[in-house]
Protein backbone atom coordinates (compact mmCIF):
# COMPACT_ATOMS: atom_id res chain seq x y z
CA UNK A 1 113.43 64.66 85.91
CA UNK A 2 113.02 66.62 82.51
CA UNK A 3 115.90 66.86 80.45
CA UNK A 4 115.68 70.00 78.85
CA UNK A 5 117.02 70.24 75.13
CA UNK A 6 115.35 73.73 74.10
CA UNK A 7 117.37 76.10 76.48
CA UNK A 8 114.47 76.72 78.91
CA UNK A 9 114.60 80.03 80.47
CA UNK A 10 112.36 80.64 83.72
CA UNK A 11 112.26 83.95 85.01
CA UNK A 12 110.87 85.76 88.70
CA UNK A 13 109.65 89.05 88.44
CA UNK A 14 109.93 90.81 91.93
CA UNK A 15 107.05 93.14 93.16
CA UNK A 16 109.46 94.49 95.96
CA UNK A 17 111.95 97.08 95.68
CA UNK A 18 113.06 97.07 99.30
CA UNK A 19 116.42 95.82 100.55
CA UNK A 20 115.99 91.99 102.29
CA UNK A 21 113.00 91.75 100.21
CA UNK A 22 110.68 88.53 101.60
CA UNK A 23 109.43 88.30 98.36
CA UNK A 24 112.74 88.25 96.60
CA UNK A 25 113.61 85.43 98.98
CA UNK A 26 110.78 83.56 98.29
CA UNK A 27 110.92 83.66 94.23
CA UNK A 28 114.36 82.90 94.81
CA UNK A 29 113.66 79.29 96.21
CA UNK A 30 110.97 78.92 94.04
CA UNK A 31 113.54 79.21 90.85
CA UNK A 32 115.36 76.81 92.63
CA UNK A 33 112.82 74.20 91.68
CA UNK A 34 113.12 75.35 87.95
CA UNK A 35 116.67 74.93 88.07
CA UNK A 36 116.12 71.18 89.65
CA UNK A 37 114.46 70.71 85.93
CA UNK A 38 117.67 72.19 84.33
CA UNK A 39 116.22 75.36 83.38
CA UNK A 40 117.90 78.38 83.21
CA UNK A 41 116.96 81.19 85.67
CA UNK A 42 117.12 84.86 86.01
CA UNK A 43 115.45 87.44 88.87
CA UNK A 44 114.40 90.06 87.33
CA UNK A 45 114.62 93.14 89.96
CA UNK A 46 112.70 96.07 88.88
CA UNK A 47 114.87 98.52 90.63
CA UNK A 48 117.61 97.72 87.59
CA UNK A 49 115.27 98.87 84.98
CA UNK A 50 114.34 102.39 86.23
CA UNK A 51 110.66 102.41 85.05
CA UNK A 52 108.47 104.84 83.69
CA UNK A 53 104.72 104.82 85.03
CA UNK A 54 102.88 103.48 82.47
CA UNK A 55 100.41 106.20 80.59
CA UNK A 56 99.19 104.71 77.54
CA UNK A 57 101.48 106.66 75.40
CA UNK A 58 101.71 106.75 71.60
CA UNK A 59 105.99 107.92 71.81
CA UNK A 60 108.39 105.16 72.51
CA UNK A 61 109.03 104.26 76.29
CA UNK A 62 112.71 104.71 77.52
CA UNK A 63 115.29 101.88 77.20
CA UNK A 64 114.57 100.33 80.63
CA UNK A 65 111.04 99.39 79.63
CA UNK A 66 112.15 97.90 75.92
CA UNK A 67 114.86 96.14 78.29
CA UNK A 68 112.46 94.60 80.74
CA UNK A 69 110.43 93.77 77.59
CA UNK A 70 113.33 91.95 75.96
CA UNK A 71 114.01 89.91 79.02
CA UNK A 72 110.70 88.57 79.71
CA UNK A 73 109.89 87.90 75.88
CA UNK A 74 112.63 85.69 75.64
CA UNK A 75 111.47 83.39 78.88
CA UNK A 76 109.24 80.51 78.54
CA UNK A 77 108.44 80.78 82.30
CA UNK A 78 107.37 83.28 84.18
CA UNK A 79 106.78 83.71 88.33
CA UNK A 80 105.37 86.58 89.49
CA UNK A 81 105.80 87.41 93.19
CA UNK A 82 104.46 90.38 95.37
CA UNK A 83 104.17 91.36 98.41
CA UNK A 84 100.25 92.04 99.56
CA UNK A 85 99.69 95.72 100.23
CA UNK A 86 95.89 96.82 101.36
CA UNK A 87 94.70 93.40 100.01
CA UNK A 88 96.16 93.89 96.35
CA UNK A 89 99.53 93.86 94.61
CA UNK A 90 102.16 96.08 95.15
CA UNK A 91 101.84 99.40 92.81
CA UNK A 92 105.72 98.48 91.09
CA UNK A 93 104.59 94.79 89.50
CA UNK A 94 101.08 96.21 88.26
CA UNK A 95 102.99 98.90 86.52
CA UNK A 96 105.62 96.30 85.46
CA UNK A 97 103.19 93.89 84.16
CA UNK A 98 101.25 96.95 82.58
CA UNK A 99 104.12 98.82 80.74
CA UNK A 100 104.05 95.21 78.89
CA UNK A 101 101.32 92.66 76.87
CA UNK A 102 100.94 89.50 75.18
CA UNK A 103 103.64 89.41 73.55
CA UNK A 104 105.75 89.11 76.97
CA UNK A 105 103.21 86.78 78.49
CA UNK A 106 100.86 85.06 75.60
CA UNK A 107 100.91 81.34 75.85
CA UNK A 108 103.50 81.54 78.31
CA UNK A 109 103.17 79.22 81.86
CA UNK A 110 103.03 81.76 85.01
CA UNK A 111 103.28 80.92 88.57
CA UNK A 112 102.34 82.95 91.36
CA UNK A 113 103.87 83.94 94.84
CA UNK A 114 102.93 86.26 97.08
CA UNK A 115 104.03 87.52 101.05
CA UNK A 116 102.62 89.52 103.68
CA UNK A 117 103.48 90.63 106.94
CA UNK A 118 100.13 89.74 108.35
CA UNK A 119 98.45 86.69 109.28
CA UNK A 120 96.03 86.59 106.02
CA UNK A 121 98.48 85.88 104.03
CA UNK A 122 98.87 87.68 100.04
CA UNK A 123 95.46 85.69 98.73
CA UNK A 124 93.90 88.67 97.42
CA UNK A 125 97.14 90.01 95.66
CA UNK A 126 97.06 86.26 93.98
CA UNK A 127 93.87 86.59 93.14
CA UNK A 128 94.19 89.62 91.39
CA UNK A 129 97.38 88.42 89.56
CA UNK A 130 95.60 85.18 88.61
CA UNK A 131 93.16 87.35 86.39
CA UNK A 132 95.85 89.66 84.97
CA UNK A 133 97.62 86.57 83.75
CA UNK A 134 94.06 85.21 82.19
CA UNK A 135 93.83 88.24 80.47
CA UNK A 136 97.01 88.18 79.04
CA UNK A 137 96.26 84.81 77.66
CA UNK A 138 99.08 83.23 79.77
CA UNK A 139 98.45 79.58 81.50
CA UNK A 140 98.59 80.26 84.95
CA UNK A 141 99.42 77.05 86.88
CA UNK A 142 96.58 75.98 89.78
CA UNK A 143 98.99 76.04 92.67
CA UNK A 144 99.96 79.12 94.20
CA UNK A 145 101.87 80.30 97.66
CA UNK A 146 100.78 82.75 99.81
CA UNK A 147 102.96 83.22 102.93
CA UNK A 148 101.71 85.24 106.16
CA UNK A 149 104.03 86.52 108.34
CA UNK A 150 106.70 86.13 106.28
CA UNK A 151 109.50 87.92 108.72
CA UNK A 152 108.96 84.80 110.74
CA UNK A 153 109.32 82.52 108.00
CA UNK A 154 112.65 84.04 106.44
CA UNK A 155 115.82 84.48 108.50
CA UNK A 156 118.29 87.38 107.66
CA UNK A 157 120.01 85.38 105.31
CA UNK A 158 117.38 84.48 102.95
CA UNK A 159 116.85 80.94 104.46
CA UNK A 160 113.18 79.63 104.79
CA UNK A 161 112.53 77.80 108.54
CA UNK A 162 109.70 76.25 107.11
CA UNK A 163 110.13 73.05 105.15
CA UNK A 164 106.52 72.91 103.92
CA UNK A 165 106.72 76.85 102.44
CA UNK A 166 110.28 75.54 100.98
CA UNK A 167 108.90 72.37 99.23
CA UNK A 168 105.34 74.30 97.95
CA UNK A 169 107.74 77.35 96.60
CA UNK A 170 110.19 74.76 94.63
CA UNK A 171 106.84 72.96 93.48
CA UNK A 172 105.97 76.31 91.92
CA UNK A 173 109.26 76.36 90.16
CA UNK A 174 109.11 72.87 89.10
CA UNK A 175 105.95 72.88 87.76
CA UNK A 176 106.39 76.46 85.51
CA UNK A 177 109.56 74.93 83.84
CA UNK A 178 107.51 71.43 83.15
CA UNK A 179 104.64 73.02 81.54
CA UNK A 180 106.60 75.16 79.80
CA UNK A 181 109.06 72.36 78.52
CA UNK A 182 106.00 70.49 77.61
CA UNK A 183 104.44 73.31 75.93
CA UNK A 184 107.92 74.36 74.03
CA UNK A 185 108.65 70.72 73.17
CA UNK A 186 108.90 69.66 69.08
CA UNK A 187 107.75 66.29 70.30
CA UNK A 188 104.72 67.61 72.40
CA UNK A 189 103.62 69.64 69.15
CA UNK A 190 104.00 66.96 66.47
CA UNK A 191 101.45 65.02 69.14
CA UNK A 192 99.26 67.54 69.08
CA UNK A 193 99.28 67.96 65.38
CA UNK A 194 98.56 64.53 64.72
CA UNK A 195 95.45 64.16 67.43
CA UNK A 196 93.88 67.55 65.59
CA UNK A 197 94.50 65.46 62.05
CA UNK A 198 93.20 62.13 63.90
CA UNK A 199 90.08 61.15 61.88
CA UNK A 200 86.32 61.58 63.84
CA UNK A 201 85.58 59.26 66.43
CA UNK A 202 82.04 57.47 64.39
CA UNK A 203 80.94 56.36 67.81
CA UNK A 204 81.05 60.14 68.75
């Protein structure tokens, strides 16, 4: 287990506004994995921010947008969760991401979780999010979780019925927390500086 010393924070951004959202249930379990490693966690419920549509305006955005940016910017790790709609991520999540930028995502560890009502899962939505994460200069972890027919996997209380999915979701949170800690650790940064200053291998 990693013993955090830097008040590491991992957030999950829920791309569903629906009450009883399976996306939120999946994110909550993923964040449990980050909590196991000592990280502070928070689910970002986009219902609470009263976001406007991103229109590229030059004038200042309303308070809700500024608060969302600040909440995400203060985290070292991010997990994006989305339902898959018509082979893509939810519109509310895309809009929320479009209202942010490099300041919120650049250099952060990013995990991906998707759910769907059908048998095909959320792979297309997650592939799109992976490309967006790279465009925003985030470090997207290789592992992701796509849950098909989510209505069969969760019960009404948000508990998961499948132990394999539960462990995979928790592992997303663990990996985001672990790599975020390594990325922000002073010891790791000192090692990288020493490595960069090491003399060139004459046999290279």
